[in-house]
Amino acid sequence: MAILAFCDHAIQQDGIYEVVNALDDPLFAENPLVTGAPHIRGYAGVPIRLPSGEKLGTLCAIHDAPMKLDQPARDRLASLARMVENLIRDRIDSREQT
């Protein structure tokens, strides 16, 4: 059974998972999210971790055109993921204190 979710592949990585052109990628070329709406072509995702290190989900960017992130864009995506992790950590810390 093929995995439909791009994010399922991203969450298995430690860093950014990127698909430059989903139509050219053997994992995704026949994916309904590629062949139909939303017509994903470019994808980049990075895991979001809990303070324990367990992966909770992903933060991703998708586009209906092929895309390759340059290093500044990769850095911004990773930075946004760390911000989300910090917000989660702060929320957990505040709940533990009450």
PDB file of N, CA and C in Angstrom:
ATOM      1  N   MET A   1       0.848  -1.185   0.000  1.00  0.00           N
ATOM      2  CA  MET A   1       0.000   0.000   0.000  1.00  0.00           C
ATOM      3  C   MET A   1       0.887   1.240   0.000  1.00  0.00           C
ATOM      4  N   ALA A   2       0.666   2.121  -0.930  1.00  0.00           N
ATOM      5  CA  ALA A   2       1.458   3.351  -1.036  1.00  0.00           C
ATOM      6  C   ALA A   2       1.019   4.352   0.021  1.00  0.00           C
ATOM      7  N   ILE A   3       1.990   5.086   0.529  1.00  0.00           N
ATOM      8  CA  ILE A   3       1.706   6.124   1.513  1.00  0.00           C
ATOM      9  C   ILE A   3       1.392   7.406   0.753  1.00  0.00           C
ATOM     10  N   LEU A   4       0.216   7.977   0.994  1.00  0.00           N
ATOM     11  CA  LEU A   4      -0.209   9.177   0.284  1.00  0.00           C
ATOM     12  C   LEU A   4       0.418  10.445   0.835  1.00  0.00           C
ATOM     13  N   ALA A   5       0.606  10.495   2.142  1.00  0.00           N
ATOM     14  CA  ALA A   5       1.007  11.736   2.797  1.00  0.00           C
ATOM     15  C   ALA A   5       2.494  12.033   2.608  1.00  0.00           C
ATOM     16  N   PHE A   6       2.770  13.183   2.044  1.00  0.00           N
ATOM     17  CA  PHE A   6       4.146  13.653   1.929  1.00  0.00           C
ATOM     18  C   PHE A   6       4.755  13.764   3.321  1.00  0.00           C
ATOM     19  N   CYS A   7       3.956  14.260   4.271  1.00  0.00           N
ATOM     20  CA  CYS A   7       4.465  14.491   5.621  1.00  0.00           C
ATOM     21  C   CYS A   7       4.860  13.198   6.319  1.00  0.00           C
ATOM     22  N   ASP A   8       4.275  12.079   5.922  1.00  0.00           N
ATOM     23  CA  ASP A   8       4.676  10.808   6.508  1.00  0.00           C
ATOM     24  C   ASP A   8       6.131  10.502   6.168  1.00  0.00           C
ATOM     25  N   HIS A   9       6.557  10.882   4.987  1.00  0.00           N
ATOM     26  CA  HIS A   9       7.961  10.697   4.611  1.00  0.00           C
ATOM     27  C   HIS A   9       8.846  11.700   5.346  1.00  0.00           C
ATOM     28  N   ALA A  10       8.348  12.934   5.476  1.00  0.00           N
ATOM     29  CA  ALA A  10       9.127  13.985   6.140  1.00  0.00           C
ATOM     30  C   ALA A  10       9.362  13.677   7.612  1.00  0.00           C
ATOM     31  N   ILE A  11       8.353  13.137   8.282  1.00  0.00           N
ATOM     32  CA  ILE A  11       8.487  12.901   9.719  1.00  0.00           C
ATOM     33  C   ILE A  11       9.490  11.788  10.017  1.00  0.00           C
ATOM     34  N   GLN A  12       9.786  10.966   9.035  1.00  0.00           N
ATOM     35  CA  GLN A  12      10.765   9.896   9.219  1.00  0.00           C
ATOM     36  C   GLN A  12      12.209  10.393   9.105  1.00  0.00           C
ATOM     37  N   GLN A  13      12.384  11.653   8.711  1.00  0.00           N
ATOM     38  CA  GLN A  13      13.714  12.235   8.544  1.00  0.00           C
ATOM     39  C   GLN A  13      14.114  12.988   9.808  1.00  0.00           C
ATOM     40  N   ASP A  14      15.382  13.345   9.883  1.00  0.00           N
ATOM     41  CA  ASP A  14      15.847  14.191  10.981  1.00  0.00           C
ATOM     42  C   ASP A  14      15.935  15.645  10.563  1.00  0.00           C
ATOM     43  N   GLY A  15      16.031  15.894   9.276  1.00  0.00           N
ATOM     44  CA  GLY A  15      16.122  17.254   8.762  1.00  0.00           C
ATOM     45  C   GLY A  15      15.012  17.516   7.764  1.00  0.00           C
ATOM     46  N   ILE A  16      15.254  18.428   6.855  1.00  0.00           N
ATOM     47  CA  ILE A  16      14.262  18.807   5.864  1.00  0.00           C
ATOM     48  C   ILE A  16      14.158  17.724   4.791  1.00  0.00           C
ATOM     49  N   TYR A  17      12.932  17.357   4.476  1.00  0.00           N
ATOM     50  CA  TYR A  17      12.635  16.420   3.398  1.00  0.00           C
ATOM     51  C   TYR A  17      12.050  17.243   2.260  1.00  0.00           C
ATOM     52  N   GLU A  18      12.643  17.116   1.086  1.00  0.00           N
ATOM     53  CA  GLU A  18      12.230  17.973  -0.027  1.00  0.00           C
ATOM     54  C   GLU A  18      11.916  17.135  -1.259  1.00  0.00           C
ATOM     55  N   VAL A  19      10.821  17.476  -1.908  1.00  0.00           N
ATOM     56  CA  VAL A  19      10.448  16.912  -3.205  1.00  0.00           C
ATOM     57  C   VAL A  19      10.389  18.092  -4.156  1.00  0.00           C
ATOM     58  N   VAL A  20      11.334  18.158  -5.083  1.00  0.00           N
ATOM     59  CA  VAL A  20      11.433  19.309  -5.986  1.00  0.00           C
ATOM     60  C   VAL A  20      10.285  19.315  -6.986  1.00  0.00           C
ATOM     61  N   ASN A  21      10.012  18.156  -7.599  1.00  0.00           N
ATOM     62  CA  ASN A  21       8.910  18.048  -8.549  1.00  0.00           C
ATOM     63  C   ASN A  21       8.261  16.686  -8.354  1.00  0.00           C
ATOM     64  N   ALA A  22       7.101  16.702  -7.736  1.00  0.00           N
ATOM     65  CA  ALA A  22       6.421  15.451  -7.400  1.00  0.00           C
ATOM     66  C   ALA A  22       6.073  14.630  -8.644  1.00  0.00           C
ATOM     67  N   LEU A  23       5.865  15.281  -9.771  1.00  0.00           N
ATOM     68  CA  LEU A  23       5.572  14.539 -11.002  1.00  0.00           C
ATOM     69  C   LEU A  23       6.747  13.692 -11.463  1.00  0.00           C
ATOM     70  N   ASP A  24       7.949  14.113 -11.112  1.00  0.00           N
ATOM     71  CA  ASP A  24       9.162  13.392 -11.492  1.00  0.00           C
ATOM     72  C   ASP A  24       9.637  12.418 -10.417  1.00  0.00           C
ATOM     73  N   ASP A  25       8.963  12.380  -9.265  1.00  0.00           N
ATOM     74  CA  ASP A  25       9.388  11.550  -8.146  1.00  0.00           C
ATOM     75  C   ASP A  25       8.609  10.231  -8.170  1.00  0.00           C
ATOM     76  N   PRO A  26       9.308   9.097  -8.264  1.00  0.00           N
ATOM     77  CA  PRO A  26       8.601   7.816  -8.338  1.00  0.00           C
ATOM     78  C   PRO A  26       7.704   7.522  -7.131  1.00  0.00           C
ATOM     79  N   LEU A  27       8.001   8.104  -5.976  1.00  0.00           N
ATOM     80  CA  LEU A  27       7.142   7.899  -4.806  1.00  0.00           C
ATOM     81  C   LEU A  27       5.808   8.632  -4.918  1.00  0.00           C
ATOM     82  N   PHE A  28       5.790   9.731  -5.654  1.00  0.00           N
ATOM     83  CA  PHE A  28       4.620  10.602  -5.624  1.00  0.00           C
ATOM     84  C   PHE A  28       3.951  10.870  -6.971  1.00  0.00           C
ATOM     85  N   ALA A  29       4.534  10.447  -8.067  1.00  0.00           N
ATOM     86  CA  ALA A  29       4.008  10.789  -9.393  1.00  0.00           C
ATOM     87  C   ALA A  29       2.547  10.374  -9.582  1.00  0.00           C
ATOM     88  N   GLU A  30       2.152   9.261  -8.979  1.00  0.00           N
ATOM     89  CA  GLU A  30       0.771   8.780  -9.127  1.00  0.00           C
ATOM     90  C   GLU A  30      -0.111   9.142  -7.928  1.00  0.00           C
ATOM     91  N   ASN A  31       0.427   9.892  -7.003  1.00  0.00           N
ATOM     92  CA  ASN A  31      -0.308  10.278  -5.800  1.00  0.00           C
ATOM     93  C   ASN A  31      -1.505  11.145  -6.183  1.00  0.00           C
ATOM     94  N   PRO A  32      -2.691  10.872  -5.638  1.00  0.00           N
ATOM     95  CA  PRO A  32      -3.870  11.681  -5.951  1.00  0.00           C
ATOM     96  C   PRO A  32      -3.718  13.163  -5.593  1.00  0.00           C
ATOM     97  N   LEU A  33      -2.850  13.478  -4.629  1.00  0.00           N
ATOM     98  CA  LEU A  33      -2.610  14.875  -4.278  1.00  0.00           C
ATOM     99  C   LEU A  33      -1.739  15.569  -5.323  1.00  0.00           C
ATOM    100  N   VAL A  34      -1.122  14.787  -6.189  1.00  0.00           N
ATOM    101  CA  VAL A  34      -0.291  15.303  -7.278  1.00  0.00           C
ATOM    102  C   VAL A  34      -1.097  15.319  -8.579  1.00  0.00           C
ATOM    103  N   THR A  35      -1.777  14.213  -8.858  1.00  0.00           N
ATOM    104  CA  THR A  35      -2.533  14.107 -10.113  1.00  0.00           C
ATOM    105  C   THR A  35      -3.831  14.905 -10.071  1.00  0.00           C
ATOM    106  N   GLY A  36      -4.319  15.199  -8.887  1.00  0.00           N
ATOM    107  CA  GLY A  36      -5.543  15.989  -8.702  1.00  0.00           C
ATOM    108  C   GLY A  36      -5.289  17.101  -7.701  1.00  0.00           C
ATOM    109  N   ALA A  37      -6.367  17.764  -7.308  1.00  0.00           N
ATOM    110  CA  ALA A  37      -6.259  18.870  -6.360  1.00  0.00           C
ATOM    111  C   ALA A  37      -5.635  18.369  -5.055  1.00  0.00           C
ATOM    112  N   PRO A  38      -4.718  19.081  -4.485  1.00  0.00           N
ATOM    113  CA  PRO A  38      -4.268  20.447  -4.789  1.00  0.00           C
ATOM    114  C   PRO A  38      -3.126  20.543  -5.804  1.00  0.00           C
ATOM    115  N   HIS A  39      -2.870  19.463  -6.548  1.00  0.00           N
ATOM    116  CA  HIS A  39      -1.840  19.452  -7.603  1.00  0.00           C
ATOM    117  C   HIS A  39      -0.458  19.817  -7.054  1.00  0.00           C
ATOM    118  N   ILE A  40      -0.065  19.117  -6.009  1.00  0.00           N
ATOM    119  CA  ILE A  40       1.237  19.377  -5.386  1.00  0.00           C
ATOM    120  C   ILE A  40       2.357  19.059  -6.366  1.00  0.00           C
ATOM    121  N   ARG A  41       3.264  19.981  -6.497  1.00  0.00           N
ATOM    122  CA  ARG A  41       4.479  19.762  -7.289  1.00  0.00           C
ATOM    123  C   ARG A  41       5.706  19.868  -6.381  1.00  0.00           C
ATOM    124  N   GLY A  42       5.811  20.962  -5.652  1.00  0.00           N
ATOM    125  CA  GLY A  42       6.936  21.158  -4.742  1.00  0.00           C
ATOM    126  C   GLY A  42       6.504  20.949  -3.306  1.00  0.00           C
ATOM    127  N   TYR A  43       7.371  20.308  -2.529  1.00  0.00           N
ATOM    128  CA  TYR A  43       7.092  20.036  -1.120  1.00  0.00           C
ATOM    129  C   TYR A  43       8.383  20.117  -0.325  1.00  0.00           C
ATOM    130  N   ALA A  44       8.301  20.701   0.839  1.00  0.00           N
ATOM    131  CA  ALA A  44       9.411  20.677   1.791  1.00  0.00           C
ATOM    132  C   ALA A  44       8.801  20.582   3.185  1.00  0.00           C
ATOM    133  N   GLY A  45       9.296  19.652   3.981  1.00  0.00           N
ATOM    134  CA  GLY A  45       8.775  19.465   5.327  1.00  0.00           C
ATOM    135  C   GLY A  45       9.881  19.124   6.303  1.00  0.00           C
ATOM    136  N   VAL A  46       9.668  19.502   7.548  1.00  0.00           N
ATOM    137  CA  VAL A  46      10.640  19.246   8.607  1.00  0.00           C
ATOM    138  C   VAL A  46       9.880  18.758   9.846  1.00  0.00           C
ATOM    139  N   PRO A  47      10.408  17.748  10.541  1.00  0.00           N
ATOM    140  CA  PRO A  47       9.721  17.238  11.727  1.00  0.00           C
ATOM    141  C   PRO A  47       9.657  18.269  12.860  1.00  0.00           C
ATOM    142  N   ILE A  48       8.578  18.191  13.604  1.00  0.00           N
ATOM    143  CA  ILE A  48       8.394  18.958  14.843  1.00  0.00           C
ATOM    144  C   ILE A  48       8.534  17.949  15.980  1.00  0.00           C
ATOM    145  N   ARG A  49       9.399  18.280  16.945  1.00  0.00           N
ATOM    146  CA  ARG A  49       9.674  17.354  18.052  1.00  0.00           C
ATOM    147  C   ARG A  49       9.164  17.905  19.384  1.00  0.00           C
ATOM    148  N   LEU A  50       8.744  16.989  20.210  1.00  0.00           N
ATOM    149  CA  LEU A  50       8.424  17.308  21.598  1.00  0.00           C
ATOM    150  C   LEU A  50       9.732  17.458  22.362  1.00  0.00           C
ATOM    151  N   PRO A  51       9.700  18.070  23.541  1.00  0.00           N
ATOM    152  CA  PRO A  51      10.926  18.185  24.338  1.00  0.00           C
ATOM    153  C   PRO A  51      11.596  16.832  24.601  1.00  0.00           C
ATOM    154  N   SER A  52      10.824  15.760  24.623  1.00  0.00           N
ATOM    155  CA  SER A  52      11.368  14.413  24.837  1.00  0.00           C
ATOM    156  C   SER A  52      12.139  13.900  23.621  1.00  0.00           C
ATOM    157  N   GLY A  53      11.981  14.595  22.485  1.00  0.00           N
ATOM    158  CA  GLY A  53      12.622  14.158  21.251  1.00  0.00           C
ATOM    159  C   GLY A  53      11.684  13.404  20.329  1.00  0.00           C
ATOM    160  N   GLU A  54      10.535  12.999  20.859  1.00  0.00           N
ATOM    161  CA  GLU A  54       9.551  12.283  20.042  1.00  0.00           C
ATOM    162  C   GLU A  54       8.992  13.224  18.970  1.00  0.00           C
ATOM    163  N   LYS A  55       8.820  12.693  17.766  1.00  0.00           N
ATOM    164  CA  LYS A  55       8.298  13.493  16.664  1.00  0.00           C
ATOM    165  C   LYS A  55       6.783  13.588  16.773  1.00  0.00           C
ATOM    166  N   LEU A  56       6.290  14.816  16.750  1.00  0.00           N
ATOM    167  CA  LEU A  56       4.869  15.096  16.915  1.00  0.00           C
ATOM    168  C   LEU A  56       4.162  15.261  15.577  1.00  0.00           C
ATOM    169  N   GLY A  57       4.817  15.871  14.625  1.00  0.00           N
ATOM    170  CA  GLY A  57       4.225  16.173  13.327  1.00  0.00           C
ATOM    171  C   GLY A  57       5.261  16.845  12.456  1.00  0.00           C
ATOM    172  N   THR A  58       4.799  17.569  11.448  1.00  0.00           N
ATOM    173  CA  THR A  58       5.713  18.280  10.558  1.00  0.00           C
ATOM    174  C   THR A  58       5.207  19.681  10.289  1.00  0.00           C
ATOM    175  N   LEU A  59       6.141  20.527   9.925  1.00  0.00           N
ATOM    176  CA  LEU A  59       5.834  21.839   9.384  1.00  0.00           C
ATOM    177  C   LEU A  59       6.250  21.763   7.925  1.00  0.00           C
ATOM    178  N   CYS A  60       5.346  22.102   7.028  1.00  0.00           N
ATOM    179  CA  CYS A  60       5.679  21.930   5.622  1.00  0.00           C
ATOM    180  C   CYS A  60       5.237  23.117   4.779  1.00  0.00           C
ATOM    181  N   ALA A  61       5.840  23.166   3.600  1.00  0.00           N
ATOM    182  CA  ALA A  61       5.470  24.143   2.575  1.00  0.00           C
ATOM    183  C   ALA A  61       5.190  23.356   1.311  1.00  0.00           C
ATOM    184  N   ILE A  62       4.068  23.664   0.654  1.00  0.00           N
ATOM    185  CA  ILE A  62       3.756  23.016  -0.615  1.00  0.00           C
ATOM    186  C   ILE A  62       3.508  24.083  -1.666  1.00  0.00           C
ATOM    187  N   HIS A  63       3.688  23.693  -2.906  1.00  0.00           N
ATOM    188  CA  HIS A  63       3.450  24.615  -4.015  1.00  0.00           C
ATOM    189  C   HIS A  63       2.902  23.829  -5.185  1.00  0.00           C
ATOM    190  N   ASP A  64       2.119  24.506  -6.033  1.00  0.00           N
ATOM    191  CA  ASP A  64       1.583  23.837  -7.220  1.00  0.00           C
ATOM    192  C   ASP A  64       2.528  23.949  -8.417  1.00  0.00           C
ATOM    193  N   ALA A  65       3.745  24.389  -8.155  1.00  0.00           N
ATOM    194  CA  ALA A  65       4.818  24.415  -9.162  1.00  0.00           C
ATOM    195  C   ALA A  65       6.041  23.773  -8.527  1.00  0.00           C
ATOM    196  N   PRO A  66       6.923  23.185  -9.338  1.00  0.00           N
ATOM    197  CA  PRO A  66       8.151  22.638  -8.771  1.00  0.00           C
ATOM    198  C   PRO A  66       8.904  23.706  -7.987  1.00  0.00           C
ATOM    199  N   MET A  67       9.543  23.299  -6.922  1.00  0.00           N
ATOM    200  CA  MET A  67      10.315  24.257  -6.122  1.00  0.00           C
ATOM    201  C   MET A  67      11.504  23.552  -5.495  1.00  0.00           C
ATOM    202  N   LYS A  68      12.600  24.245  -5.477  1.00  0.00           N
ATOM    203  CA  LYS A  68      13.803  23.789  -4.784  1.00  0.00           C
ATOM    204  C   LYS A  68      14.192  24.910  -3.839  1.00  0.00           C
ATOM    205  N   LEU A  69      14.218  24.614  -2.558  1.00  0.00           N
ATOM    206  CA  LEU A  69      14.551  25.640  -1.583  1.00  0.00           C
ATOM    207  C   LEU A  69      16.044  25.953  -1.640  1.00  0.00           C
ATOM    208  N   ASP A  70      16.351  27.242  -1.658  1.00  0.00           N
ATOM    209  CA  ASP A  70      17.754  27.631  -1.520  1.00  0.00           C
ATOM    210  C   ASP A  70      18.094  27.588  -0.027  1.00  0.00           C
ATOM    211  N   GLN A  71      19.349  27.762   0.303  1.00  0.00           N
ATOM    212  CA  GLN A  71      19.766  27.618   1.702  1.00  0.00           C
ATOM    213  C   GLN A  71      19.062  28.598   2.638  1.00  0.00           C
ATOM    214  N   PRO A  72      18.890  29.888   2.260  1.00  0.00           N
ATOM    215  CA  PRO A  72      18.155  30.777   3.164  1.00  0.00           C
ATOM    216  C   PRO A  72      16.719  30.310   3.428  1.00  0.00           C
ATOM    217  N   ALA A  73      16.052  29.769   2.418  1.00  0.00           N
ATOM    218  CA  ALA A  73      14.685  29.274   2.614  1.00  0.00           C
ATOM    219  C   ALA A  73      14.691  28.021   3.495  1.00  0.00           C
ATOM    220  N   ARG A  74      15.674  27.159   3.306  1.00  0.00           N
ATOM    221  CA  ARG A  74      15.796  25.973   4.157  1.00  0.00           C
ATOM    222  C   ARG A  74      16.027  26.393   5.613  1.00  0.00           C
ATOM    223  N   ASP A  75      16.865  27.400   5.802  1.00  0.00           N
ATOM    224  CA  ASP A  75      17.136  27.902   7.148  1.00  0.00           C
ATOM    225  C   ASP A  75      15.873  28.482   7.780  1.00  0.00           C
ATOM    226  N   ARG A  76      15.071  29.211   6.992  1.00  0.00           N
ATOM    227  CA  ARG A  76      13.828  29.793   7.522  1.00  0.00           C
ATOM    228  C   ARG A  76      12.836  28.701   7.910  1.00  0.00           C
ATOM    229  N   LEU A  77      12.706  27.669   7.068  1.00  0.00           N
ATOM    230  CA  LEU A  77      11.788  26.581   7.387  1.00  0.00           C
ATOM    231  C   LEU A  77      12.225  25.879   8.674  1.00  0.00           C
ATOM    232  N   ALA A  78      13.508  25.602   8.801  1.00  0.00           N
ATOM    233  CA  ALA A  78      14.023  24.974  10.022  1.00  0.00           C
ATOM    234  C   ALA A  78      13.819  25.877  11.236  1.00  0.00           C
ATOM    235  N   SER A  79      14.014  27.179  11.052  1.00  0.00           N
ATOM    236  CA  SER A  79      13.827  28.132  12.142  1.00  0.00           C
ATOM    237  C   SER A  79      12.359  28.186  12.577  1.00  0.00           C
ATOM    238  N   LEU A  80      11.443  28.172  11.625  1.00  0.00           N
ATOM    239  CA  LEU A  80      10.018  28.158  11.965  1.00  0.00           C
ATOM    240  C   LEU A  80       9.653  26.888  12.734  1.00  0.00           C
ATOM    241  N   ALA A  81      10.220  25.767  12.328  1.00  0.00           N
ATOM    242  CA  ALA A  81       9.967  24.514  13.043  1.00  0.00           C
ATOM    243  C   ALA A  81      10.462  24.609  14.487  1.00  0.00           C
ATOM    244  N   ARG A  82      11.640  25.196  14.690  1.00  0.00           N
ATOM    245  CA  ARG A  82      12.166  25.357  16.049  1.00  0.00           C
ATOM    246  C   ARG A  82      11.267  26.294  16.858  1.00  0.00           C
ATOM    247  N   MET A  83      10.707  27.327  16.222  1.00  0.00           N
ATOM    248  CA  MET A  83       9.780  28.227  16.930  1.00  0.00           C
ATOM    249  C   MET A  83       8.555  27.465  17.404  1.00  0.00           C
ATOM    250  N   VAL A  84       8.009  26.611  16.551  1.00  0.00           N
ATOM    251  CA  VAL A  84       6.855  25.802  16.935  1.00  0.00           C
ATOM    252  C   VAL A  84       7.229  24.884  18.098  1.00  0.00           C
ATOM    253  N   GLU A  85       8.390  24.261  18.016  1.00  0.00           N
ATOM    254  CA  GLU A  85       8.843  23.406  19.118  1.00  0.00           C
ATOM    255  C   GLU A  85       8.974  24.190  20.412  1.00  0.00           C
ATOM    256  N   ASN A  86       9.498  25.401  20.332  1.00  0.00           N
ATOM    257  CA  ASN A  86       9.638  26.234  21.532  1.00  0.00           C
ATOM    258  C   ASN A  86       8.276  26.602  22.106  1.00  0.00           C
ATOM    259  N   LEU A  87       7.310  26.905  21.246  1.00  0.00           N
ATOM    260  CA  LEU A  87       5.960  27.219  21.717  1.00  0.00           C
ATOM    261  C   LEU A  87       5.342  26.009  22.421  1.00  0.00           C
ATOM    262  N   ILE A  88       5.539  24.839  21.845  1.00  0.00           N
ATOM    263  CA  ILE A  88       5.026  23.619  22.469  1.00  0.00           C
ATOM    264  C   ILE A  88       5.702  23.396  23.811  1.00  0.00           C
ATOM    265  N   ARG A  89       7.019  23.542  23.855  1.00  0.00           N
ATOM    266  CA  ARG A  89       7.763  23.362  25.109  1.00  0.00           C
ATOM    267  C   ARG A  89       7.265  24.345  26.172  1.00  0.00           C
ATOM    268  N   ASP A  90       7.088  25.617  25.768  1.00  0.00           N
ATOM    269  CA  ASP A  90       6.618  26.620  26.727  1.00  0.00           C
ATOM    270  C   ASP A  90       5.233  26.277  27.249  1.00  0.00           C
ATOM    271  N   ARG A  91       4.378  25.767  26.373  1.00  0.00           N
ATOM    272  CA  ARG A  91       3.023  25.387  26.781  1.00  0.00           C
ATOM    273  C   ARG A  91       3.073  24.211  27.763  1.00  0.00           C
ATOM    274  N   ILE A  92       3.907  23.245  27.473  1.00  0.00           N
ATOM    275  CA  ILE A  92       4.065  22.091  28.370  1.00  0.00           C
ATOM    276  C   ILE A  92       4.612  22.551  29.715  1.00  0.00           C
ATOM    277  N   ASP A  93       5.627  23.422  29.693  1.00  0.00           N
ATOM    278  CA  ASP A  93       6.216  23.932  30.934  1.00  0.00           C
ATOM    279  C   ASP A  93       5.187  24.683  31.766  1.00  0.00           C
ATOM    280  N   SER A  94       4.352  25.500  31.116  1.00  0.00           N
ATOM    281  CA  SER A  94       3.375  26.280  31.869  1.00  0.00           C
ATOM    282  C   SER A  94       2.304  25.378  32.475  1.00  0.00           C
ATOM    283  N   ARG A  95       1.963  24.300  31.796  1.00  0.00           N
ATOM    284  CA  ARG A  95       0.985  23.363  32.335  1.00  0.00           C
ATOM    285  C   ARG A  95       1.569  22.598  33.522  1.00  0.00           C
ATOM    286  N   GLU A  96       2.844  22.282  33.453  1.00  0.00           N
ATOM    287  CA  GLU A  96       3.487  21.550  34.547  1.00  0.00           C
ATOM    288  C   GLU A  96       3.624  22.421  35.791  1.00  0.00           C
ATOM    289  N   GLN A  97       3.709  23.724  35.614  1.00  0.00           N
ATOM    290  CA  GLN A  97       3.879  24.640  36.747  1.00  0.00           C
ATOM    291  C   GLN A  97       2.566  24.919  37.454  1.00  0.00           C
ATOM    292  N   THR A  98       1.437  24.661  36.786  1.00  0.00           N
ATOM    293  CA  THR A  98       0.149  24.949  37.433  1.00  0.00           C
ATOM    294  C   THR A  98      -0.462  23.755  38.094  1.00  0.00           C
TER     295      THR A  98
END
